[in-house]
All heavy atoms as atom14 arrays in JSON, in Angstrom:
{
  "sequence": "AVSGRFTISRDNAKNILSLQMNDLKPGDTAMYYCAASWSRYLCAS",
  "atom14_mask": [
    [1, 1, 1, 1, 1, 0, 0, 0, 0, 0, 0, 0, 0, 0],
    [1, 1, 1, 1, 1, 1, 1, 0, 0, 0, 0, 0, 0, 0],
    [1, 1, 1, 1, 1, 1, 0, 0, 0, 0, 0, 0, 0, 0],
    [1, 1, 1, 1, 0, 0, 0, 0, 0, 0, 0, 0, 0, 0],
    [1, 1, 1, 1, 1, 1, 1, 1, 1, 1, 1, 0, 0, 0],
    [1, 1, 1, 1, 1, 1, 1, 1, 1, 1, 1, 0, 0, 0],
    [1, 1, 1, 1, 1, 1, 1, 0, 0, 0, 0, 0, 0, 0],
    [1, 1, 1, 1, 1, 1, 1, 1, 0, 0, 0, 0, 0, 0],
    [1, 1, 1, 1, 1, 1, 0, 0, 0, 0, 0, 0, 0, 0],
    [1, 1, 1, 1, 1, 1, 1, 1, 1, 1, 1, 0, 0, 0],
    [1, 1, 1, 1, 1, 1, 1, 1, 0, 0, 0, 0, 0, 0],
    [1, 1, 1, 1, 1, 1, 1, 1, 0, 0, 0, 0, 0, 0],
    [1, 1, 1, 1, 1, 0, 0, 0, 0, 0, 0, 0, 0, 0],
    [1, 1, 1, 1, 1, 1, 1, 1, 1, 0, 0, 0, 0, 0],
    [1, 1, 1, 1, 1, 1, 1, 1, 0, 0, 0, 0, 0, 0],
    [1, 1, 1, 1, 1, 1, 1, 1, 0, 0, 0, 0, 0, 0],
    [1, 1, 1, 1, 1, 1, 1, 1, 0, 0, 0, 0, 0, 0],
    [1, 1, 1, 1, 1, 1, 0, 0, 0, 0, 0, 0, 0, 0],
    [1, 1, 1, 1, 1, 1, 1, 1, 0, 0, 0, 0, 0, 0],
    [1, 1, 1, 1, 1, 1, 1, 1, 1, 0, 0, 0, 0, 0],
    [1, 1, 1, 1, 1, 1, 1, 1, 0, 0, 0, 0, 0, 0],
    [1, 1, 1, 1, 1, 1, 1, 1, 0, 0, 0, 0, 0, 0],
    [1, 1, 1, 1, 1, 1, 1, 1, 0, 0, 0, 0, 0, 0],
    [1, 1, 1, 1, 1, 1, 1, 1, 0, 0, 0, 0, 0, 0],
    [1, 1, 1, 1, 1, 1, 1, 1, 1, 0, 0, 0, 0, 0],
    [1, 1, 1, 1, 1, 1, 1, 0, 0, 0, 0, 0, 0, 0],
    [1, 1, 1, 1, 0, 0, 0, 0, 0, 0, 0, 0, 0, 0],
    [1, 1, 1, 1, 1, 1, 1, 1, 0, 0, 0, 0, 0, 0],
    [1, 1, 1, 1, 1, 1, 1, 0, 0, 0, 0, 0, 0, 0],
    [1, 1, 1, 1, 1, 0, 0, 0, 0, 0, 0, 0, 0, 0],
    [1, 1, 1, 1, 1, 1, 1, 1, 0, 0, 0, 0, 0, 0],
    [1, 1, 1, 1, 1, 1, 1, 1, 1, 1, 1, 1, 0, 0],
    [1, 1, 1, 1, 1, 1, 1, 1, 1, 1, 1, 1, 0, 0],
    [1, 1, 1, 1, 1, 1, 0, 0, 0, 0, 0, 0, 0, 0],
    [1, 1, 1, 1, 1, 0, 0, 0, 0, 0, 0, 0, 0, 0],
    [1, 1, 1, 1, 1, 0, 0, 0, 0, 0, 0, 0, 0, 0],
    [1, 1, 1, 1, 1, 1, 0, 0, 0, 0, 0, 0, 0, 0],
    [1, 1, 1, 1, 1, 1, 1, 1, 1, 1, 1, 1, 1, 1],
    [1, 1, 1, 1, 1, 1, 0, 0, 0, 0, 0, 0, 0, 0],
    [1, 1, 1, 1, 1, 1, 1, 1, 1, 1, 1, 0, 0, 0],
    [1, 1, 1, 1, 1, 1, 1, 1, 1, 1, 1, 1, 0, 0],
    [1, 1, 1, 1, 1, 1, 1, 1, 0, 0, 0, 0, 0, 0],
    [1, 1, 1, 1, 1, 1, 0, 0, 0, 0, 0, 0, 0, 0],
    [1, 1, 1, 1, 1, 0, 0, 0, 0, 0, 0, 0, 0, 0],
    [1, 1, 1, 1, 1, 1, 0, 0, 0, 0, 0, 0, 0, 0]
  ],
  "atom14_positions": [
    [[-54.06, -4.65, -45.97], [-53.0, -5.59, -45.78], [-53.45, -6.86, -44.98], [-52.73, -7.84, -45.1], [-51.94, -4.97, -44.78], [0.0, 0.0, 0.0], [0.0, 0.0, 0.0], [0.0, 0.0, 0.0], [0.0, 0.0, 0.0], [0.0, 0.0, 0.0], [0.0, 0.0, 0.0], [0.0, 0.0, 0.0], [0.0, 0.0, 0.0], [0.0, 0.0, 0.0]],
    [[-54.58, -6.93, -44.4], [-55.05, -8.1, -43.58], [-56.25, -8.71, -44.24], [-56.8, -9.74, -43.74], [-55.21, -7.73, -42.09], [-53.97, -7.19, -41.58], [-56.48, -6.87, -41.96], [0.0, 0.0, 0.0], [0.0, 0.0, 0.0], [0.0, 0.0, 0.0], [0.0, 0.0, 0.0], [0.0, 0.0, 0.0], [0.0, 0.0, 0.0], [0.0, 0.0, 0.0]],
    [[-56.87, -8.05, -45.17], [-58.14, -8.52, -45.77], [-57.95, -9.88, -46.31], [-57.02, -10.26, -46.98], [-58.54, -7.68, -46.93], [-59.71, -8.07, -47.55], [0.0, 0.0, 0.0], [0.0, 0.0, 0.0], [0.0, 0.0, 0.0], [0.0, 0.0, 0.0], [0.0, 0.0, 0.0], [0.0, 0.0, 0.0], [0.0, 0.0, 0.0], [0.0, 0.0, 0.0]],
    [[-58.93, -10.75, -45.91], [-58.82, -12.18, -46.35], [-58.19, -13.12, -45.36], [-58.23, -14.33, -45.47], [0.0, 0.0, 0.0], [0.0, 0.0, 0.0], [0.0, 0.0, 0.0], [0.0, 0.0, 0.0], [0.0, 0.0, 0.0], [0.0, 0.0, 0.0], [0.0, 0.0, 0.0], [0.0, 0.0, 0.0], [0.0, 0.0, 0.0], [0.0, 0.0, 0.0]],
    [[-57.45, -12.37, -44.5], [-56.69, -13.21, -43.47], [-57.09, -13.03, -42.04], [-57.05, -14.03, -41.25], [-55.14, -12.8, -43.58], [-54.51, -13.12, -44.92], [-53.09, -12.87, -44.87], [-52.74, -11.53, -44.59], [-51.99, -11.15, -43.49], [-51.58, -11.94, -42.62], [-51.72, -9.74, -43.37], [0.0, 0.0, 0.0], [0.0, 0.0, 0.0], [0.0, 0.0, 0.0]],
    [[-57.68, -11.95, -41.68], [-58.18, -11.56, -40.38], [-59.66, -11.56, -40.32], [-60.3, -11.14, -41.32], [-57.56, -10.32, -39.9], [-56.02, -10.27, -39.62], [-55.26, -11.27, -40.03], [-55.44, -9.29, -38.95], [-53.79, -11.27, -39.77], [-54.2, -9.19, -38.7], [-53.31, -10.16, -39.13], [0.0, 0.0, 0.0], [0.0, 0.0, 0.0], [0.0, 0.0, 0.0]],
    [[-60.14, -11.96, -39.16], [-61.71, -11.82, -38.98], [-61.9, -11.26, -37.62], [-61.49, -11.87, -36.56], [-62.33, -13.24, -39.13], [-62.01, -13.8, -40.51], [-63.79, -13.13, -39.0], [0.0, 0.0, 0.0], [0.0, 0.0, 0.0], [0.0, 0.0, 0.0], [0.0, 0.0, 0.0], [0.0, 0.0, 0.0], [0.0, 0.0, 0.0], [0.0, 0.0, 0.0]],
    [[-62.73, -10.26, -37.57], [-63.12, -9.78, -36.28], [-64.55, -10.25, -36.01], [-65.43, -10.34, -36.82], [-62.99, -8.23, -36.36], [-63.37, -7.62, -34.9], [-64.08, -7.64, -37.36], [-63.15, -6.04, -34.91], [0.0, 0.0, 0.0], [0.0, 0.0, 0.0], [0.0, 0.0, 0.0], [0.0, 0.0, 0.0], [0.0, 0.0, 0.0], [0.0, 0.0, 0.0]],
    [[-64.65, -10.51, -34.68], [-66.04, -11.05, -34.21], [-66.14, -10.54, -32.74], [-65.26, -10.17, -32.12], [-66.09, -12.54, -34.39], [-65.19, -13.18, -33.59], [0.0, 0.0, 0.0], [0.0, 0.0, 0.0], [0.0, 0.0, 0.0], [0.0, 0.0, 0.0], [0.0, 0.0, 0.0], [0.0, 0.0, 0.0], [0.0, 0.0, 0.0], [0.0, 0.0, 0.0]],
    [[-67.33, -10.69, -32.25], [-67.74, -10.36, -30.92], [-68.6, -11.42, -30.3], [-69.71, -11.63, -31.04], [-68.13, -8.92, -30.7], [-68.53, -8.52, -29.27], [-68.84, -7.02, -29.26], [-68.92, -6.56, -27.89], [-69.03, -5.31, -27.48], [-69.11, -4.39, -28.37], [-69.23, -4.96, -26.18], [0.0, 0.0, 0.0], [0.0, 0.0, 0.0], [0.0, 0.0, 0.0]],
    [[-68.4, -11.8, -29.09], [-69.34, -12.69, -28.41], [-69.92, -11.7, -27.39], [-69.41, -11.45, -26.38], [-68.56, -13.85, -27.72], [-69.43, -14.81, -27.07], [-70.55, -14.41, -26.61], [-69.18, -15.95, -26.91], [0.0, 0.0, 0.0], [0.0, 0.0, 0.0], [0.0, 0.0, 0.0], [0.0, 0.0, 0.0], [0.0, 0.0, 0.0], [0.0, 0.0, 0.0]],
    [[-71.22, -11.25, -27.71], [-71.87, -10.42, -26.83], [-72.16, -10.99, -25.49], [-72.2, -10.17, -24.5], [-73.12, -9.89, -27.48], [-72.87, -8.94, -28.7], [-72.02, -8.19, -28.7], [-73.67, -9.05, -29.74], [0.0, 0.0, 0.0], [0.0, 0.0, 0.0], [0.0, 0.0, 0.0], [0.0, 0.0, 0.0], [0.0, 0.0, 0.0], [0.0, 0.0, 0.0]],
    [[-72.56, -12.14, -25.5], [-72.89, -12.81, -24.15], [-71.68, -12.83, -23.24], [-71.83, -12.65, -22.1], [-73.41, -14.2, -24.47], [0.0, 0.0, 0.0], [0.0, 0.0, 0.0], [0.0, 0.0, 0.0], [0.0, 0.0, 0.0], [0.0, 0.0, 0.0], [0.0, 0.0, 0.0], [0.0, 0.0, 0.0], [0.0, 0.0, 0.0], [0.0, 0.0, 0.0]],
    [[-70.45, -13.12, -23.74], [-69.22, -13.16, -22.93], [-68.53, -11.84, -22.93], [-67.47, -11.69, -22.29], [-68.38, -14.26, -23.47], [-69.03, -15.62, -23.41], [-67.93, -16.72, -23.9], [-68.6, -18.09, -23.75], [-67.65, -19.12, -24.3], [0.0, 0.0, 0.0], [0.0, 0.0, 0.0], [0.0, 0.0, 0.0], [0.0, 0.0, 0.0], [0.0, 0.0, 0.0]],
    [[-69.02, -10.93, -23.72], [-68.29, -9.53, -23.77], [-66.86, -9.69, -24.17], [-66.04, -9.09, -23.61], [-68.51, -8.76, -22.46], [-69.83, -8.48, -22.06], [-70.6, -7.88, -22.85], [-70.14, -8.65, -20.76], [0.0, 0.0, 0.0], [0.0, 0.0, 0.0], [0.0, 0.0, 0.0], [0.0, 0.0, 0.0], [0.0, 0.0, 0.0], [0.0, 0.0, 0.0]],
    [[-66.67, -10.49, -25.16], [-65.31, -10.67, -25.69], [-65.27, -10.33, -27.19], [-65.97, -10.88, -28.03], [-64.86, -12.1, -25.47], [-64.86, -12.44, -24.03], [-63.5, -12.46, -26.13], [-64.45, -13.95, -23.69], [0.0, 0.0, 0.0], [0.0, 0.0, 0.0], [0.0, 0.0, 0.0], [0.0, 0.0, 0.0], [0.0, 0.0, 0.0], [0.0, 0.0, 0.0]],
    [[-64.25, -9.49, -27.48], [-64.04, -9.26, -28.93], [-62.86, -9.95, -29.27], [-61.84, -10.13, -28.61], [-63.69, -7.76, -28.95], [-63.26, -7.16, -30.44], [-64.5, -7.16, -31.34], [-62.62, -5.81, -30.28], [0.0, 0.0, 0.0], [0.0, 0.0, 0.0], [0.0, 0.0, 0.0], [0.0, 0.0, 0.0], [0.0, 0.0, 0.0], [0.0, 0.0, 0.0]],
    [[-62.98, -10.6, -30.49], [-61.86, -11.54, -31.01], [-61.27, -10.99, -32.36], [-61.95, -10.39, -33.23], [-62.37, -12.93, -31.13], [-62.68, -13.46, -29.81], [0.0, 0.0, 0.0], [0.0, 0.0, 0.0], [0.0, 0.0, 0.0], [0.0, 0.0, 0.0], [0.0, 0.0, 0.0], [0.0, 0.0, 0.0], [0.0, 0.0, 0.0], [0.0, 0.0, 0.0]],
    [[-60.03, -11.35, -32.6], [-59.45, -11.08, -33.87], [-58.76, -12.4, -34.3], [-57.7, -12.78, -33.73], [-58.51, -10.05, -33.87], [-57.83, -9.68, -35.3], [-58.94, -9.16, -36.18], [-56.68, -8.66, -35.06], [0.0, 0.0, 0.0], [0.0, 0.0, 0.0], [0.0, 0.0, 0.0], [0.0, 0.0, 0.0], [0.0, 0.0, 0.0], [0.0, 0.0, 0.0]],
    [[-59.27, -13.11, -35.18], [-58.66, -14.36, -35.74], [-57.74, -13.98, -36.87], [-58.16, -13.35, -37.83], [-59.81, -15.31, -36.26], [-59.22, -16.59, -36.8], [-60.35, -17.54, -37.24], [-61.4, -17.36, -37.05], [-59.92, -18.59, -38.02], [0.0, 0.0, 0.0], [0.0, 0.0, 0.0], [0.0, 0.0, 0.0], [0.0, 0.0, 0.0], [0.0, 0.0, 0.0]],
    [[-56.56, -14.38, -36.63], [-55.47, -14.03, -37.69], [-54.89, -15.26, -38.32], [-54.34, -16.12, -37.65], [-54.33, -13.14, -36.92], [-54.94, -11.94, -36.2], [-53.56, -10.99, -35.5], [-52.84, -12.14, -34.28], [0.0, 0.0, 0.0], [0.0, 0.0, 0.0], [0.0, 0.0, 0.0], [0.0, 0.0, 0.0], [0.0, 0.0, 0.0], [0.0, 0.0, 0.0]],
    [[-55.07, -15.46, -39.56], [-54.55, -16.53, -40.22], [-53.42, -16.13, -41.24], [-53.43, -14.99, -41.67], [-55.64, -17.36, -41.05], [-56.7, -17.81, -40.09], [-56.49, -18.37, -38.94], [-57.94, -17.77, -40.54], [0.0, 0.0, 0.0], [0.0, 0.0, 0.0], [0.0, 0.0, 0.0], [0.0, 0.0, 0.0], [0.0, 0.0, 0.0], [0.0, 0.0, 0.0]],
    [[-52.71, -17.08, -41.72], [-51.65, -16.82, -42.69], [-50.93, -15.63, -42.33], [-50.66, -14.64, -43.06], [-52.26, -16.66, -44.05], [-51.21, -16.68, -45.08], [-50.04, -17.26, -44.97], [-51.51, -16.16, -46.28], [0.0, 0.0, 0.0], [0.0, 0.0, 0.0], [0.0, 0.0, 0.0], [0.0, 0.0, 0.0], [0.0, 0.0, 0.0], [0.0, 0.0, 0.0]],
    [[-50.37, -15.6, -41.12], [-49.59, -14.44, -40.6], [-48.32, -14.24, -41.32], [-47.67, -15.13, -41.79], [-49.35, -14.59, -39.07], [-50.57, -14.35, -38.22], [-50.37, -15.03, -36.83], [-50.9, -12.9, -38.14], [0.0, 0.0, 0.0], [0.0, 0.0, 0.0], [0.0, 0.0, 0.0], [0.0, 0.0, 0.0], [0.0, 0.0, 0.0], [0.0, 0.0, 0.0]],
    [[-48.08, -12.94, -41.55], [-46.8, -12.52, -42.22], [-45.91, -11.75, -41.26], [-46.31, -11.25, -40.27], [-47.18, -11.61, -43.45], [-48.29, -12.11, -44.32], [-47.83, -13.28, -45.04], [-48.89, -13.78, -46.12], [-48.53, -14.99, -46.81], [0.0, 0.0, 0.0], [0.0, 0.0, 0.0], [0.0, 0.0, 0.0], [0.0, 0.0, 0.0], [0.0, 0.0, 0.0]],
    [[-44.6, -11.77, -41.57], [-43.73, -10.94, -40.69], [-44.22, -9.52, -40.59], [-43.93, -8.88, -39.56], [-42.31, -11.05, -41.44], [-42.41, -12.33, -42.07], [-43.86, -12.49, -42.57], [0.0, 0.0, 0.0], [0.0, 0.0, 0.0], [0.0, 0.0, 0.0], [0.0, 0.0, 0.0], [0.0, 0.0, 0.0], [0.0, 0.0, 0.0], [0.0, 0.0, 0.0]],
    [[-44.83, -8.93, -41.56], [-45.29, -7.69, -41.51], [-46.46, -7.37, -40.55], [-46.77, -6.27, -40.12], [0.0, 0.0, 0.0], [0.0, 0.0, 0.0], [0.0, 0.0, 0.0], [0.0, 0.0, 0.0], [0.0, 0.0, 0.0], [0.0, 0.0, 0.0], [0.0, 0.0, 0.0], [0.0, 0.0, 0.0], [0.0, 0.0, 0.0], [0.0, 0.0, 0.0]],
    [[-46.99, -8.47, -40.04], [-48.09, -8.38, -39.05], [-47.59, -8.2, -37.64], [-48.31, -8.03, -36.72], [-48.97, -9.62, -39.1], [-49.66, -9.8, -40.37], [-50.13, -8.82, -41.03], [-49.77, -10.95, -40.95], [0.0, 0.0, 0.0], [0.0, 0.0, 0.0], [0.0, 0.0, 0.0], [0.0, 0.0, 0.0], [0.0, 0.0, 0.0], [0.0, 0.0, 0.0]],
    [[-46.25, -8.36, -37.43], [-45.65, -8.11, -36.16], [-45.85, -6.81, -35.61], [-45.61, -5.82, -36.31], [-44.07, -8.45, -36.28], [-43.77, -9.76, -36.67], [-43.34, -8.13, -34.94], [0.0, 0.0, 0.0], [0.0, 0.0, 0.0], [0.0, 0.0, 0.0], [0.0, 0.0, 0.0], [0.0, 0.0, 0.0], [0.0, 0.0, 0.0], [0.0, 0.0, 0.0]],
    [[-46.53, -6.64, -34.47], [-46.88, -5.4, -33.92], [-47.5, -5.7, -32.51], [-47.82, -6.83, -32.14], [-47.91, -4.71, -34.87], [0.0, 0.0, 0.0], [0.0, 0.0, 0.0], [0.0, 0.0, 0.0], [0.0, 0.0, 0.0], [0.0, 0.0, 0.0], [0.0, 0.0, 0.0], [0.0, 0.0, 0.0], [0.0, 0.0, 0.0], [0.0, 0.0, 0.0]],
    [[-47.71, -4.56, -31.82], [-48.56, -4.72, -30.62], [-49.96, -4.4, -31.11], [-50.19, -3.5, -31.84], [-48.1, -3.53, -29.6], [-48.83, -3.59, -28.33], [-48.39, -4.98, -27.22], [-46.75, -4.37, -26.72], [0.0, 0.0, 0.0], [0.0, 0.0, 0.0], [0.0, 0.0, 0.0], [0.0, 0.0, 0.0], [0.0, 0.0, 0.0], [0.0, 0.0, 0.0]],
    [[-50.87, -5.28, -30.75], [-52.19, -5.13, -31.12], [-53.09, -4.68, -30.04], [-53.01, -5.14, -28.82], [-52.75, -6.5, -31.65], [-52.23, -6.95, -32.98], [-50.9, -7.22, -33.23], [-53.03, -6.84, -34.06], [-50.42, -7.55, -34.43], [-52.65, -7.22, -35.37], [-51.34, -7.55, -35.45], [-50.86, -7.83, -36.83], [0.0, 0.0, 0.0], [0.0, 0.0, 0.0]],
    [[-53.89, -3.71, -30.26], [-54.83, -3.14, -29.27], [-56.27, -3.24, -29.78], [-56.67, -3.07, -30.88], [-54.5, -1.69, -29.24], [-53.09, -1.3, -28.82], [-52.06, -1.17, -29.72], [-52.7, -1.15, -27.46], [-50.73, -0.78, -29.37], [-51.43, -0.81, -27.11], [-50.46, -0.76, -28.06], [-49.18, -0.37, -27.77], [0.0, 0.0, 0.0], [0.0, 0.0, 0.0]],
    [[-57.12, -3.46, -28.77], [-58.51, -3.32, -29.01], [-58.95, -1.93, -28.47], [-58.49, -1.44, -27.65], [-59.38, -4.48, -28.35], [-59.25, -4.58, -26.66], [0.0, 0.0, 0.0], [0.0, 0.0, 0.0], [0.0, 0.0, 0.0], [0.0, 0.0, 0.0], [0.0, 0.0, 0.0], [0.0, 0.0, 0.0], [0.0, 0.0, 0.0], [0.0, 0.0, 0.0]],
    [[-59.93, -1.4, -29.16], [-60.5, -0.1, -28.89], [-61.88, -0.03, -29.0], [-62.51, -0.71, -29.87], [-59.69, 1.0, -29.72], [0.0, 0.0, 0.0], [0.0, 0.0, 0.0], [0.0, 0.0, 0.0], [0.0, 0.0, 0.0], [0.0, 0.0, 0.0], [0.0, 0.0, 0.0], [0.0, 0.0, 0.0], [0.0, 0.0, 0.0], [0.0, 0.0, 0.0]],
    [[-62.55, 0.85, -28.34], [-64.02, 1.04, -28.5], [-64.37, 2.56, -28.57], [-63.74, 3.29, -28.01], [-64.71, 0.44, -27.19], [0.0, 0.0, 0.0], [0.0, 0.0, 0.0], [0.0, 0.0, 0.0], [0.0, 0.0, 0.0], [0.0, 0.0, 0.0], [0.0, 0.0, 0.0], [0.0, 0.0, 0.0], [0.0, 0.0, 0.0], [0.0, 0.0, 0.0]],
    [[-65.46, 2.74, -29.33], [-66.07, 4.07, -29.46], [-67.48, 4.05, -29.15], [-68.28, 3.13, -29.54], [-65.72, 4.5, -30.91], [-66.36, 5.86, -31.1], [0.0, 0.0, 0.0], [0.0, 0.0, 0.0], [0.0, 0.0, 0.0], [0.0, 0.0, 0.0], [0.0, 0.0, 0.0], [0.0, 0.0, 0.0], [0.0, 0.0, 0.0], [0.0, 0.0, 0.0]],
    [[-67.92, 5.14, -28.47], [-69.32, 5.3, -28.14], [-70.09, 5.9, -29.23], [-71.32, 6.07, -29.18], [-69.6, 5.89, -26.87], [-68.91, 7.21, -26.66], [-67.64, 7.43, -26.01], [-69.2, 8.51, -27.27], [-67.26, 8.82, -26.11], [-68.22, 9.49, -26.76], [-70.36, 9.01, -27.94], [-68.41, 10.82, -27.15], [-70.47, 10.34, -28.33], [-69.42, 11.22, -27.83]],
    [[-69.34, 6.46, -30.32], [-70.0, 7.25, -31.32], [-70.88, 6.36, -32.16], [-70.45, 5.36, -32.62], [-68.93, 7.95, -32.16], [-69.65, 8.54, -33.35], [0.0, 0.0, 0.0], [0.0, 0.0, 0.0], [0.0, 0.0, 0.0], [0.0, 0.0, 0.0], [0.0, 0.0, 0.0], [0.0, 0.0, 0.0], [0.0, 0.0, 0.0], [0.0, 0.0, 0.0]],
    [[-72.14, 6.8, -32.26], [-73.08, 6.03, -33.16], [-72.92, 6.38, -34.6], [-73.58, 5.77, -35.45], [-74.54, 6.4, -32.83], [-75.01, 5.43, -31.63], [-74.19, 5.46, -30.32], [-74.77, 4.63, -29.35], [-74.18, 4.38, -28.2], [-72.94, 4.92, -27.92], [-74.72, 3.58, -27.26], [0.0, 0.0, 0.0], [0.0, 0.0, 0.0], [0.0, 0.0, 0.0]],
    [[-72.05, 7.29, -34.91], [-71.85, 7.76, -36.33], [-70.52, 7.32, -36.84], [-70.03, 7.6, -37.78], [-71.98, 9.17, -36.42], [-73.33, 9.72, -35.96], [-73.44, 10.22, -34.71], [-74.37, 9.8, -36.98], [-74.84, 10.77, -34.27], [-75.6, 10.2, -36.54], [-75.86, 10.72, -35.26], [-77.01, 11.16, -34.86], [0.0, 0.0, 0.0], [0.0, 0.0, 0.0]],
    [[-69.73, 6.41, -35.98], [-68.42, 6.03, -36.37], [-68.36, 5.41, -37.73], [-67.53, 5.82, -38.53], [-67.87, 5.11, -35.27], [-66.41, 4.62, -35.53], [-65.5, 5.8, -35.0], [-66.21, 3.37, -34.68], [0.0, 0.0, 0.0], [0.0, 0.0, 0.0], [0.0, 0.0, 0.0], [0.0, 0.0, 0.0], [0.0, 0.0, 0.0], [0.0, 0.0, 0.0]],
    [[-69.22, 4.38, -37.91], [-69.08, 3.72, -39.22], [-69.67, 4.52, -40.3], [-69.24, 4.39, -41.6], [-69.82, 2.41, -39.17], [-68.96, 1.18, -37.96], [0.0, 0.0, 0.0], [0.0, 0.0, 0.0], [0.0, 0.0, 0.0], [0.0, 0.0, 0.0], [0.0, 0.0, 0.0], [0.0, 0.0, 0.0], [0.0, 0.0, 0.0], [0.0, 0.0, 0.0]],
    [[-70.78, 5.23, -40.08], [-71.39, 5.98, -41.11], [-70.48, 7.13, -41.65], [-70.46, 7.48, -42.74], [-72.63, 6.62, -40.54], [0.0, 0.0, 0.0], [0.0, 0.0, 0.0], [0.0, 0.0, 0.0], [0.0, 0.0, 0.0], [0.0, 0.0, 0.0], [0.0, 0.0, 0.0], [0.0, 0.0, 0.0], [0.0, 0.0, 0.0], [0.0, 0.0, 0.0]],
    [[-69.56, 7.61, -40.78], [-68.68, 8.6, -41.14], [-67.26, 7.99, -41.64], [-66.27, 8.73, -41.73], [-68.4, 9.67, -40.04], [-67.98, 8.96, -38.86], [0.0, 0.0, 0.0], [0.0, 0.0, 0.0], [0.0, 0.0, 0.0], [0.0, 0.0, 0.0], [0.0, 0.0, 0.0], [0.0, 0.0, 0.0], [0.0, 0.0, 0.0], [0.0, 0.0, 0.0]]
  ]
}
């Protein structure tokens, strides 16, 4: 639903995770949360 419109990035030096959201739609209305996982297999799985 957000492919091509949103971009995730991280500034490691500043320890800031960002989500750039372009061409927003009414369906994007929501509470947005950032989350972290220590699992090293998260993406592989």
